[in-house]
PDB file of N, CA and C in Angstrom:
ATOM      1  N   MET A   1       0.829  -1.189   0.000  1.00  0.00           N
ATOM      2  CA  MET A   1       0.000   0.000   0.000  1.00  0.00           C
ATOM      3  C   MET A   1       0.875   1.255   0.000  1.00  0.00           C
ATOM      4  N   PHE A   2       1.919   1.239   0.815  1.00  0.00           N
ATOM      5  CA  PHE A   2       2.841   2.377   0.859  1.00  0.00           C
ATOM      6  C   PHE A   2       3.545   2.556  -0.484  1.00  0.00           C
ATOM      7  N   ALA A   3       3.856   1.445  -1.153  1.00  0.00           N
ATOM      8  CA  ALA A   3       4.529   1.494  -2.447  1.00  0.00           C
ATOM      9  C   ALA A   3       3.630   2.139  -3.496  1.00  0.00           C
ATOM     10  N   LYS A   4       2.330   1.887  -3.437  1.00  0.00           N
ATOM     11  CA  LYS A   4       1.392   2.494  -4.386  1.00  0.00           C
ATOM     12  C   LYS A   4       1.347   4.012  -4.209  1.00  0.00           C
ATOM     13  N   LYS A   5       1.394   4.464  -2.946  1.00  0.00           N
ATOM     14  CA  LYS A   5       1.375   5.901  -2.689  1.00  0.00           C
ATOM     15  C   LYS A   5       2.637   6.559  -3.239  1.00  0.00           C
ATOM     16  N   ILE A   6       3.759   5.903  -3.082  1.00  0.00           N
ATOM     17  CA  ILE A   6       5.014   6.442  -3.597  1.00  0.00           C
ATOM     18  C   ILE A   6       4.972   6.507  -5.120  1.00  0.00           C
ATOM     19  N   ILE A   7       4.453   5.469  -5.755  1.00  0.00           N
ATOM     20  CA  ILE A   7       4.351   5.450  -7.211  1.00  0.00           C
ATOM     21  C   ILE A   7       3.444   6.581  -7.690  1.00  0.00           C
ATOM     22  N   TRP A   8       2.294   6.779  -7.053  1.00  0.00           N
ATOM     23  CA  TRP A   8       1.385   7.856  -7.420  1.00  0.00           C
ATOM     24  C   TRP A   8       2.046   9.225  -7.228  1.00  0.00           C
ATOM     25  N   PHE A   9       2.737   9.381  -6.111  1.00  0.00           N
ATOM     26  CA  PHE A   9       3.414  10.639  -5.855  1.00  0.00           C
ATOM     27  C   PHE A   9       4.469  10.925  -6.919  1.00  0.00           C
ATOM     28  N   LEU A  10       5.274   9.924  -7.248  1.00  0.00           N
ATOM     29  CA  LEU A  10       6.315  10.105  -8.257  1.00  0.00           C
ATOM     30  C   LEU A  10       5.720  10.389  -9.639  1.00  0.00           C
ATOM     31  N   THR A  11       4.619   9.743  -9.949  1.00  0.00           N
ATOM     32  CA  THR A  11       3.947   9.973 -11.231  1.00  0.00           C
ATOM     33  C   THR A  11       3.448  11.411 -11.323  1.00  0.00           C
ATOM     34  N   ILE A  12       2.760  11.875 -10.304  1.00  0.00           N
ATOM     35  CA  ILE A  12       2.234  13.241 -10.294  1.00  0.00           C
ATOM     36  C   ILE A  12       3.379  14.258 -10.301  1.00  0.00           C
ATOM     37  N   PHE A  13       4.420  13.984  -9.527  1.00  0.00           N
ATOM     38  CA  PHE A  13       5.575  14.873  -9.484  1.00  0.00           C
ATOM     39  C   PHE A  13       6.250  14.972 -10.853  1.00  0.00           C
ATOM     40  N   THR A  14       6.382  13.846 -11.530  1.00  0.00           N
ATOM     41  CA  THR A  14       7.004  13.829 -12.857  1.00  0.00           C
ATOM     42  C   THR A  14       6.169  14.615 -13.865  1.00  0.00           C
ATOM     43  N   ILE A  15       4.862  14.439 -13.821  1.00  0.00           N
ATOM     44  CA  ILE A  15       3.977  15.175 -14.731  1.00  0.00           C
ATOM     45  C   ILE A  15       4.058  16.672 -14.453  1.00  0.00           C
ATOM     46  N   ALA A  16       4.037  17.056 -13.198  1.00  0.00           N
ATOM     47  CA  ALA A  16       4.112  18.472 -12.839  1.00  0.00           C
ATOM     48  C   ALA A  16       5.446  19.078 -13.266  1.00  0.00           C
ATOM     49  N   LEU A  17       6.512  18.365 -13.028  1.00  0.00           N
ATOM     50  CA  LEU A  17       7.828  18.857 -13.411  1.00  0.00           C
ATOM     51  C   LEU A  17       7.953  18.950 -14.933  1.00  0.00           C
ATOM     52  N   GLY A  18       7.445  17.966 -15.645  1.00  0.00           N
ATOM     53  CA  GLY A  18       7.488  17.974 -17.109  1.00  0.00           C
ATOM     54  C   GLY A  18       6.705  19.124 -17.698  1.00  0.00           C
ATOM     55  N   SER A  19       5.539  19.422 -17.136  1.00  0.00           N
ATOM     56  CA  SER A  19       4.736  20.523 -17.667  1.00  0.00           C
ATOM     57  C   SER A  19       5.413  21.864 -17.411  1.00  0.00           C
ATOM     58  N   ARG A  20       6.116  22.009 -16.311  1.00  0.00           N
ATOM     59  CA  ARG A  20       6.852  23.257 -16.046  1.00  0.00           C
ATOM     60  C   ARG A  20       7.988  23.435 -17.039  1.00  0.00           C
ATOM     61  N   VAL A  21       8.665  22.354 -17.365  1.00  0.00           N
ATOM     62  CA  VAL A  21       9.771  22.426 -18.325  1.00  0.00           C
ATOM     63  C   VAL A  21       9.246  22.809 -19.696  1.00  0.00           C
ATOM     64  N   ILE A  22       8.139  22.199 -20.108  1.00  0.00           N
ATOM     65  CA  ILE A  22       7.544  22.516 -21.406  1.00  0.00           C
ATOM     66  C   ILE A  22       7.082  23.967 -21.442  1.00  0.00           C
ATOM     67  N   ALA A  23       6.429  24.420 -20.389  1.00  0.00           N
ATOM     68  CA  ALA A  23       5.947  25.802 -20.347  1.00  0.00           C
ATOM     69  C   ALA A  23       7.105  26.784 -20.387  1.00  0.00           C
ATOM     70  N   SER A  24       8.168  26.494 -19.702  1.00  0.00           N
ATOM     71  CA  SER A  24       9.292  27.433 -19.691  1.00  0.00           C
ATOM     72  C   SER A  24       9.959  27.523 -21.059  1.00  0.00           C
ATOM     73  N   THR A  25       9.999  26.427 -21.814  1.00  0.00           N
ATOM     74  CA  THR A  25      10.598  26.488 -23.150  1.00  0.00           C
ATOM     75  C   THR A  25       9.707  27.244 -24.123  1.00  0.00           C
ATOM     76  N   VAL A  26       8.402  27.153 -23.952  1.00  0.00           N
ATOM     77  CA  VAL A  26       7.479  27.891 -24.825  1.00  0.00           C
ATOM     78  C   VAL A  26       7.627  29.387 -24.595  1.00  0.00           C
ATOM     79  N   TYR A  27       7.655  29.811 -23.341  1.00  0.00           N
ATOM     80  CA  TYR A  27       7.764  31.235 -23.046  1.00  0.00           C
ATOM     81  C   TYR A  27       9.161  31.776 -23.326  1.00  0.00           C
ATOM     82  N   ALA A  28      10.163  30.930 -23.336  1.00  0.00           N
ATOM     83  CA  ALA A  28      11.519  31.378 -23.636  1.00  0.00           C
ATOM     84  C   ALA A  28      11.664  31.766 -25.099  1.00  0.00           C
ATOM     85  N   LYS A  29      10.800  31.251 -25.973  1.00  0.00           N
ATOM     86  CA  LYS A  29      10.883  31.532 -27.401  1.00  0.00           C
ATOM     87  C   LYS A  29      10.215  32.841 -27.792  1.00  0.00           C
ATOM     88  N   GLU A  30       9.592  33.530 -26.854  1.00  0.00           N
ATOM     89  CA  GLU A  30       8.897  34.770 -27.171  1.00  0.00           C
ATOM     90  C   GLU A  30       9.882  35.826 -27.647  1.00  0.00           C
ATOM     91  N   SER A  31       9.495  36.507 -28.699  1.00  0.00           N
ATOM     92  CA  SER A  31      10.300  37.614 -29.198  1.00  0.00           C
ATOM     93  C   SER A  31       9.774  38.902 -28.580  1.00  0.00           C
ATOM     94  N   PRO A  32      10.553  39.971 -28.651  1.00  0.00           N
ATOM     95  CA  PRO A  32      10.050  41.256 -28.145  1.00  0.00           C
ATOM     96  C   PRO A  32       8.771  41.702 -28.856  1.00  0.00           C
ATOM     97  N   LEU A  33       8.677  41.407 -30.168  1.00  0.00           N
ATOM     98  CA  LEU A  33       7.457  41.765 -30.900  1.00  0.00           C
ATOM     99  C   LEU A  33       6.261  40.971 -30.387  1.00  0.00           C
ATOM    100  N   GLN A  34       6.484  39.688 -30.096  1.00  0.00           N
ATOM    101  CA  GLN A  34       5.396  38.856 -29.578  1.00  0.00           C
ATOM    102  C   GLN A  34       4.965  39.361 -28.211  1.00  0.00           C
ATOM    103  N   ARG A  35       5.898  39.778 -27.394  1.00  0.00           N
ATOM    104  CA  ARG A  35       5.580  40.304 -26.069  1.00  0.00           C
ATOM    105  C   ARG A  35       4.721  41.558 -26.192  1.00  0.00           C
ATOM    106  N   GLN A  36       5.018  42.412 -27.184  1.00  0.00           N
ATOM    107  CA  GLN A  36       4.228  43.626 -27.376  1.00  0.00           C
ATOM    108  C   GLN A  36       2.786  43.296 -27.741  1.00  0.00           C
ATOM    109  N   VAL A  37       2.595  42.263 -28.541  1.00  0.00           N
ATOM    110  CA  VAL A  37       1.242  41.856 -28.919  1.00  0.00           C
ATOM    111  C   VAL A  37       0.527  41.241 -27.724  1.00  0.00           C
ATOM    112  N   LEU A  38       1.219  40.393 -26.972  1.00  0.00           N
ATOM    113  CA  LEU A  38       0.597  39.735 -25.819  1.00  0.00           C
ATOM    114  C   LEU A  38       0.272  40.705 -24.692  1.00  0.00           C
ATOM    115  N   ASP A  39       0.931  41.854 -24.653  1.00  0.00           N
ATOM    116  CA  ASP A  39       0.612  42.856 -23.634  1.00  0.00           C
ATOM    117  C   ASP A  39      -0.821  43.371 -23.783  1.00  0.00           C
ATOM    118  N   HIS A  40      -1.407  43.211 -24.955  1.00  0.00           N
ATOM    119  CA  HIS A  40      -2.776  43.677 -25.207  1.00  0.00           C
ATOM    120  C   HIS A  40      -3.824  42.589 -24.980  1.00  0.00           C
ATOM    121  N   ALA A  41      -3.400  41.397 -24.600  1.00  0.00           N
ATOM    122  CA  ALA A  41      -4.327  40.275 -24.425  1.00  0.00           C
ATOM    123  C   ALA A  41      -5.360  40.586 -23.341  1.00  0.00           C
ATOM    124  N   GLY A  42      -6.607  40.331 -23.660  1.00  0.00           N
ATOM    125  CA  GLY A  42      -7.692  40.502 -22.705  1.00  0.00           C
ATOM    126  C   GLY A  42      -8.232  41.908 -22.592  1.00  0.00           C
ATOM    127  N   LYS A  43      -7.679  42.834 -23.318  1.00  0.00           N
ATOM    128  CA  LYS A  43      -8.156  44.212 -23.246  1.00  0.00           C
ATOM    129  C   LYS A  43      -9.290  44.426 -24.235  1.00  0.00           C
ATOM    130  N   SER A  44     -10.151  45.367 -23.926  1.00  0.00           N
ATOM    131  CA  SER A  44     -11.209  45.735 -24.866  1.00  0.00           C
ATOM    132  C   SER A  44     -11.020  47.199 -25.242  1.00  0.00           C
ATOM    133  N   TYR A  45     -11.552  47.561 -26.396  1.00  0.00           N
ATOM    134  CA  TYR A  45     -11.336  48.898 -26.948  1.00  0.00           C
ATOM    135  C   TYR A  45     -12.670  49.524 -27.295  1.00  0.00           C
ATOM    136  N   THR A  46     -12.702  50.845 -27.261  1.00  0.00           N
ATOM    137  CA  THR A  46     -13.948  51.548 -27.559  1.00  0.00           C
ATOM    138  C   THR A  46     -14.205  51.659 -29.051  1.00  0.00           C
ATOM    139  N   GLY A  47     -13.188  51.475 -29.860  1.00  0.00           N
ATOM    140  CA  GLY A  47     -13.344  51.538 -31.306  1.00  0.00           C
ATOM    141  C   GLY A  47     -11.990  51.543 -31.981  1.00  0.00           C
ATOM    142  N   MET A  48     -12.030  51.659 -33.305  1.00  0.00           N
ATOM    143  CA  MET A  48     -10.788  51.621 -34.068  1.00  0.00           C
ATOM    144  C   MET A  48      -9.961  52.892 -33.896  1.00  0.00           C
ATOM    145  N   GLN A  49     -10.553  53.945 -33.372  1.00  0.00           N
ATOM    146  CA  GLN A  49      -9.819  55.186 -33.144  1.00  0.00           C
ATOM    147  C   GLN A  49      -9.233  55.256 -31.738  1.00  0.00           C
ATOM    148  N   ASP A  50      -9.527  54.268 -30.902  1.00  0.00           N
ATOM    149  CA  ASP A  50      -8.979  54.197 -29.548  1.00  0.00           C
ATOM    150  C   ASP A  50      -7.454  54.108 -29.636  1.00  0.00           C
ATOM    151  N   PRO A  51      -6.717  54.986 -28.951  1.00  0.00           N
ATOM    152  CA  PRO A  51      -5.250  54.950 -29.016  1.00  0.00           C
ATOM    153  C   PRO A  51      -4.660  53.601 -28.608  1.00  0.00           C
ATOM    154  N   SER A  52      -5.282  52.915 -27.667  1.00  0.00           N
ATOM    155  CA  SER A  52      -4.796  51.587 -27.263  1.00  0.00           C
ATOM    156  C   SER A  52      -4.970  50.579 -28.391  1.00  0.00           C
ATOM    157  N   TYR A  53      -6.095  50.669 -29.109  1.00  0.00           N
ATOM    158  CA  TYR A  53      -6.321  49.770 -30.239  1.00  0.00           C
ATOM    159  C   TYR A  53      -5.318  50.046 -31.352  1.00  0.00           C
ATOM    160  N   ILE A  54      -5.063  51.310 -31.623  1.00  0.00           N
ATOM    161  CA  ILE A  54      -4.095  51.667 -32.666  1.00  0.00           C
ATOM    162  C   ILE A  54      -2.718  51.119 -32.315  1.00  0.00           C
ATOM    163  N   ASN A  55      -2.338  51.221 -31.045  1.00  0.00           N
ATOM    164  CA  ASN A  55      -1.062  50.677 -30.587  1.00  0.00           C
ATOM    165  C   ASN A  55      -1.029  49.154 -30.749  1.00  0.00           C
ATOM    166  N   TYR A  56      -2.139  48.502 -30.405  1.00  0.00           N
ATOM    167  CA  TYR A  56      -2.242  47.050 -30.565  1.00  0.00           C
ATOM    168  C   TYR A  56      -2.113  46.657 -32.035  1.00  0.00           C
ATOM    169  N   ASP A  57      -2.810  47.362 -32.916  1.00  0.00           N
ATOM    170  CA  ASP A  57      -2.779  47.028 -34.337  1.00  0.00           C
ATOM    171  C   ASP A  57      -1.371  47.215 -34.915  1.00  0.00           C
ATOM    172  N   LEU A  58      -0.694  48.270 -34.502  1.00  0.00           N
ATOM    173  CA  LEU A  58       0.677  48.483 -34.977  1.00  0.00           C
ATOM    174  C   LEU A  58       1.612  47.378 -34.493  1.00  0.00           C
ATOM    175  N   SER A  59       1.441  46.949 -33.245  1.00  0.00           N
ATOM    176  CA  SER A  59       2.254  45.852 -32.705  1.00  0.00           C
ATOM    177  C   SER A  59       1.962  44.554 -33.443  1.00  0.00           C
ATOM    178  N   LEU A  60       0.673  44.295 -33.698  1.00  0.00           N
ATOM    179  CA  LEU A  60       0.283  43.080 -34.410  1.00  0.00           C
ATOM    180  C   LEU A  60       0.836  43.092 -35.829  1.00  0.00           C
ATOM    181  N   ARG A  61       0.771  44.222 -36.495  1.00  0.00           N
ATOM    182  CA  ARG A  61       1.312  44.327 -37.855  1.00  0.00           C
ATOM    183  C   ARG A  61       2.811  44.025 -37.887  1.00  0.00           C
ATOM    184  N   ALA A  62       3.546  44.637 -36.985  1.00  0.00           N
ATOM    185  CA  ALA A  62       5.006  44.422 -36.951  1.00  0.00           C
ATOM    186  C   ALA A  62       5.328  42.956 -36.675  1.00  0.00           C
ATOM    187  N   TYR A  63       4.618  42.354 -35.737  1.00  0.00           N
ATOM    188  CA  TYR A  63       4.856  40.952 -35.392  1.00  0.00           C
ATOM    189  C   TYR A  63       4.529  40.032 -36.569  1.00  0.00           C
ATOM    190  N   MET A  64       3.381  40.272 -37.215  1.00  0.00           N
ATOM    191  CA  MET A  64       2.965  39.397 -38.309  1.00  0.00           C
ATOM    192  C   MET A  64       3.860  39.545 -39.528  1.00  0.00           C
ATOM    193  N   VAL A  65       4.286  40.758 -39.841  1.00  0.00           N
ATOM    194  CA  VAL A  65       5.195  40.962 -40.976  1.00  0.00           C
ATOM    195  C   VAL A  65       6.507  40.222 -40.724  1.00  0.00           C
ATOM    196  N   ASP A  66       7.002  40.299 -39.496  1.00  0.00           N
ATOM    197  CA  ASP A  66       8.235  39.591 -39.144  1.00  0.00           C
ATOM    198  C   ASP A  66       8.044  38.080 -39.253  1.00  0.00           C
ATOM    199  N   ARG A  67       6.919  37.579 -38.744  1.00  0.00           N
ATOM    200  CA  ARG A  67       6.656  36.139 -38.772  1.00  0.00           C
ATOM    201  C   ARG A  67       6.475  35.619 -40.190  1.00  0.00           C
ATOM    202  N   ILE A  68       5.758  36.357 -41.032  1.00  0.00           N
ATOM    203  CA  ILE A  68       5.569  35.956 -42.431  1.00  0.00           C
ATOM    204  C   ILE A  68       6.907  35.970 -43.163  1.00  0.00           C
ATOM    205  N   SER A  69       7.716  36.962 -42.884  1.00  0.00           N
ATOM    206  CA  SER A  69       9.029  37.045 -43.511  1.00  0.00           C
ATOM    207  C   SER A  69       9.893  35.841 -43.142  1.00  0.00           C
ATOM    208  N   LYS A  70       9.864  35.455 -41.886  1.00  0.00           N
ATOM    209  CA  LYS A  70      10.672  34.310 -41.432  1.00  0.00           C
ATOM    210  C   LYS A  70      10.145  32.987 -41.985  1.00  0.00           C
ATOM    211  N   GLN A  71       8.832  32.807 -42.024  1.00  0.00           N
ATOM    212  CA  GLN A  71       8.251  31.533 -42.458  1.00  0.00           C
ATOM    213  C   GLN A  71       8.243  31.363 -43.971  1.00  0.00           C
ATOM    214  N   PHE A  72       7.961  32.441 -44.700  1.00  0.00           N
ATOM    215  CA  PHE A  72       7.740  32.302 -46.132  1.00  0.00           C
ATOM    216  C   PHE A  72       8.730  33.080 -46.999  1.00  0.00           C
ATOM    217  N   GLY A  73       9.554  33.904 -46.385  1.00  0.00           N
ATOM    218  CA  GLY A  73      10.523  34.681 -47.145  1.00  0.00           C
ATOM    219  C   GLY A  73       9.902  35.800 -47.965  1.00  0.00           C
ATOM    220  N   ILE A  74       8.724  36.246 -47.566  1.00  0.00           N
ATOM    221  CA  ILE A  74       8.013  37.315 -48.272  1.00  0.00           C
ATOM    222  C   ILE A  74       8.055  38.574 -47.405  1.00  0.00           C
ATOM    223  N   ALA A  75       8.570  39.654 -47.953  1.00  0.00           N
ATOM    224  CA  ALA A  75       8.637  40.921 -47.223  1.00  0.00           C
ATOM    225  C   ALA A  75       7.381  41.731 -47.521  1.00  0.00           C
ATOM    226  N   LEU A  76       6.584  41.963 -46.504  1.00  0.00           N
ATOM    227  CA  LEU A  76       5.368  42.760 -46.640  1.00  0.00           C
ATOM    228  C   LEU A  76       5.533  44.054 -45.860  1.00  0.00           C
ATOM    229  N   ASP A  77       4.865  45.094 -46.329  1.00  0.00           N
ATOM    230  CA  ASP A  77       4.906  46.386 -45.658  1.00  0.00           C
ATOM    231  C   ASP A  77       3.814  46.418 -44.591  1.00  0.00           C
ATOM    232  N   PRO A  78       4.168  46.669 -43.325  1.00  0.00           N
ATOM    233  CA  PRO A  78       3.137  46.682 -42.281  1.00  0.00           C
ATOM    234  C   PRO A  78       2.138  47.827 -42.432  1.00  0.00           C
ATOM    235  N   LYS A  79       2.472  48.837 -43.225  1.00  0.00           N
ATOM    236  CA  LYS A  79       1.553  49.953 -43.439  1.00  0.00           C
ATOM    237  C   LYS A  79       0.511  49.627 -44.499  1.00  0.00           C
ATOM    238  N   THR A  80       0.744  48.590 -45.272  1.00  0.00           N
ATOM    239  CA  THR A  80      -0.134  48.251 -46.386  1.00  0.00           C
ATOM    240  C   THR A  80      -1.354  47.443 -45.958  1.00  0.00           C
ATOM    241  N   TYR A  81      -1.200  46.583 -44.962  1.00  0.00           N
ATOM    242  CA  TYR A  81      -2.274  45.682 -44.535  1.00  0.00           C
ATOM    243  C   TYR A  81      -2.574  45.887 -43.053  1.00  0.00           C
ATOM    244  N   SER A  82      -3.823  45.620 -42.674  1.00  0.00           N
ATOM    245  CA  SER A  82      -4.173  45.679 -41.256  1.00  0.00           C
ATOM    246  C   SER A  82      -3.612  44.437 -40.556  1.00  0.00           C
ATOM    247  N   GLY A  83      -3.607  44.468 -39.251  1.00  0.00           N
ATOM    248  CA  GLY A  83      -3.127  43.322 -38.487  1.00  0.00           C
ATOM    249  C   GLY A  83      -3.946  42.073 -38.756  1.00  0.00           C
ATOM    250  N   PHE A  84      -5.259  42.238 -38.868  1.00  0.00           N
ATOM    251  CA  PHE A  84      -6.120  41.088 -39.117  1.00  0.00           C
ATOM    252  C   PHE A  84      -5.980  40.574 -40.543  1.00  0.00           C
ATOM    253  N   ASP A  85      -5.717  41.477 -41.498  1.00  0.00           N
ATOM    254  CA  ASP A  85      -5.426  41.038 -42.862  1.00  0.00           C
ATOM    255  C   ASP A  85      -4.172  40.173 -42.871  1.00  0.00           C
ATOM    256  N   LEU A  86      -3.158  40.580 -42.117  1.00  0.00           N
ATOM    257  CA  LEU A  86      -1.908  39.817 -42.073  1.00  0.00           C
ATOM    258  C   LEU A  86      -2.104  38.442 -41.438  1.00  0.00           C
ATOM    259  N   LEU A  87      -2.976  38.354 -40.450  1.00  0.00           N
ATOM    260  CA  LEU A  87      -3.296  37.037 -39.868  1.00  0.00           C
ATOM    261  C   LEU A  87      -3.927  36.131 -40.924  1.00  0.00           C
ATOM    262  N   GLU A  88      -4.843  36.696 -41.701  1.00  0.00           N
ATOM    263  CA  GLU A  88      -5.508  35.925 -42.749  1.00  0.00           C
ATOM    264  C   GLU A  88      -4.536  35.569 -43.876  1.00  0.00           C
ATOM    265  N   ILE A  89      -3.677  36.503 -44.225  1.00  0.00           N
ATOM    266  CA  ILE A  89      -2.669  36.239 -45.260  1.00  0.00           C
ATOM    267  C   ILE A  89      -1.776  35.078 -44.848  1.00  0.00           C
ATOM    268  N   GLU A  90      -1.332  35.082 -43.591  1.00  0.00           N
ATOM    269  CA  GLU A  90      -0.492  33.983 -43.111  1.00  0.00           C
ATOM    270  C   GLU A  90      -1.225  32.647 -43.206  1.00  0.00           C
ATOM    271  N   ALA A  91      -2.493  32.632 -42.834  1.00  0.00           N
ATOM    272  CA  ALA A  91      -3.279  31.396 -42.900  1.00  0.00           C
ATOM    273  C   ALA A  91      -3.400  30.899 -44.338  1.00  0.00           C
ATOM    274  N   LEU A  92      -3.621  31.807 -45.274  1.00  0.00           N
ATOM    275  CA  LEU A  92      -3.716  31.418 -46.681  1.00  0.00           C
ATOM    276  C   LEU A  92      -2.376  30.923 -47.214  1.00  0.00           C
ATOM    277  N   PHE A  93      -1.285  31.557 -46.806  1.00  0.00           N
ATOM    278  CA  PHE A  93       0.039  31.113 -47.244  1.00  0.00           C
ATOM    279  C   PHE A  93       0.326  29.696 -46.763  1.00  0.00           C
ATOM    280  N   LYS A  94      -0.167  29.363 -45.582  1.00  0.00           N
ATOM    281  CA  LYS A  94       0.045  28.010 -45.056  1.00  0.00           C
ATOM    282  C   LYS A  94      -0.723  26.969 -45.871  1.00  0.00           C
ATOM    283  N   CYS A  95      -1.820  27.385 -46.490  1.00  0.00           N
ATOM    284  CA  CYS A  95      -2.663  26.454 -47.246  1.00  0.00           C
ATOM    285  C   CYS A  95      -2.344  26.420 -48.738  1.00  0.00           C
ATOM    286  N   LYS A  96      -1.527  27.337 -49.211  1.00  0.00           N
ATOM    287  CA  LYS A  96      -1.289  27.422 -50.656  1.00  0.00           C
ATOM    288  C   LYS A  96      -0.490  26.235 -51.166  1.00  0.00           C
ATOM    289  N   LYS A  97      -0.730  25.917 -52.421  1.00  0.00           N
ATOM    290  CA  LYS A  97       0.017  24.846 -53.083  1.00  0.00           C
ATOM    291  C   LYS A  97       1.382  25.378 -53.485  1.00  0.00           C
ATOM    292  N   SER A  98       2.334  24.502 -53.608  1.00  0.00           N
ATOM    293  CA  SER A  98       3.710  24.939 -53.897  1.00  0.00           C
ATOM    294  C   SER A  98       3.833  25.654 -55.240  1.00  0.00           C
ATOM    295  N   GLU A  99       2.992  25.290 -56.219  1.00  0.00           N
ATOM    296  CA  GLU A  99       3.101  25.926 -57.529  1.00  0.00           C
ATOM    297  C   GLU A  99       2.340  27.259 -57.608  1.00  0.00           C
ATOM    298  N   GLU A 100       1.561  27.594 -56.599  1.00  0.00           N
ATOM    299  CA  GLU A 100       0.802  28.844 -56.598  1.00  0.00           C
ATOM    300  C   GLU A 100       1.696  30.015 -56.177  1.00  0.00           C
ATOM    301  N   SER A 101       1.422  31.145 -56.763  1.00  0.00           N
ATOM    302  CA  SER A 101       2.174  32.353 -56.446  1.00  0.00           C
ATOM    303  C   SER A 101       1.578  33.035 -55.208  1.00  0.00           C
ATOM    304  N   PHE A 102       2.423  33.690 -54.447  1.00  0.00           N
ATOM    305  CA  PHE A 102       1.940  34.442 -53.287  1.00  0.00           C
ATOM    306  C   PHE A 102       1.089  35.627 -53.730  1.00  0.00           C
ATOM    307  N   ASP A 103       1.385  36.167 -54.909  1.00  0.00           N
ATOM    308  CA  ASP A 103       0.658  37.337 -55.412  1.00  0.00           C
ATOM    309  C   ASP A 103      -0.827  37.069 -55.597  1.00  0.00           C
ATOM    310  N   ILE A 104      -1.181  35.837 -55.923  1.00  0.00           N
ATOM    311  CA  ILE A 104      -2.600  35.484 -56.095  1.00  0.00           C
ATOM    312  C   ILE A 104      -3.375  35.782 -54.821  1.00  0.00           C
ATOM    313  N   PHE A 105      -2.789  35.484 -53.690  1.00  0.00           N
ATOM    314  CA  PHE A 105      -3.457  35.686 -52.412  1.00  0.00           C
ATOM    315  C   PHE A 105      -3.423  37.153 -51.987  1.00  0.00           C
ATOM    316  N   LEU A 106      -2.322  37.823 -52.278  1.00  0.00           N
ATOM    317  CA  LEU A 106      -2.190  39.217 -51.861  1.00  0.00           C
ATOM    318  C   LEU A 106      -3.132  40.142 -52.625  1.00  0.00           C
ATOM    319  N   LYS A 107      -3.506  39.771 -53.849  1.00  0.00           N
ATOM    320  CA  LYS A 107      -4.403  40.610 -54.655  1.00  0.00           C
ATOM    321  C   LYS A 107      -5.799  40.696 -54.057  1.00  0.00           C
ATOM    322  N   THR A 108      -6.195  39.731 -53.244  1.00  0.00           N
ATOM    323  CA  THR A 108      -7.541  39.713 -52.681  1.00  0.00           C
ATOM    324  C   THR A 108      -7.712  40.646 -51.490  1.00  0.00           C
ATOM    325  N   PHE A 109      -6.612  41.204 -50.992  1.00  0.00           N
ATOM    326  CA  PHE A 109      -6.684  42.064 -49.822  1.00  0.00           C
ATOM    327  C   PHE A 109      -6.563  43.525 -50.221  1.00  0.00           C
ATOM    328  N   PRO A 110      -7.467  44.357 -49.684  1.00  0.00           N
ATOM    329  CA  PRO A 110      -7.369  45.784 -49.984  1.00  0.00           C
ATOM    330  C   PRO A 110      -6.122  46.365 -49.317  1.00  0.00           C
ATOM    331  N   LYS A 111      -5.467  47.251 -50.006  1.00  0.00           N
ATOM    332  CA  LYS A 111      -4.270  47.878 -49.458  1.00  0.00           C
ATOM    333  C   LYS A 111      -4.654  49.182 -48.783  1.00  0.00           C
ATOM    334  N   HIS A 112      -4.163  49.348 -47.575  1.00  0.00           N
ATOM    335  CA  HIS A 112      -4.428  50.557 -46.803  1.00  0.00           C
ATOM    336  C   HIS A 112      -3.161  51.412 -46.809  1.00  0.00           C
ATOM    337  N   PRO A 113      -3.226  52.607 -47.381  1.00  0.00           N
ATOM    338  CA  PRO A 113      -2.017  53.452 -47.416  1.00  0.00           C
ATOM    339  C   PRO A 113      -1.651  53.969 -46.031  1.00  0.00           C
TER     340      PRO A 113
END
């Protein structure tokens, strides 16, 4: 009976320790741009003209342009697309066939000067 308790304790301890190690490696990979985007998590905004929302959108744009550049080798201008457009663009790039051009997907998004 005592041996079963020790086994259960060691099992739970191992799982807890393993999850801490995994969590620490995930958070260690955060970039400064990702941290800027995550700083806005859980906040609500009064509208698109809210200064906090504008700051969030600029952070999201910079982060997404960097991420798309690293994953796909495509340099996009963060002033051209909204943050949410860039999220959608990344999703479409992940689904595109190898013979398809990136331009096909970019033409469907309105450009914001």
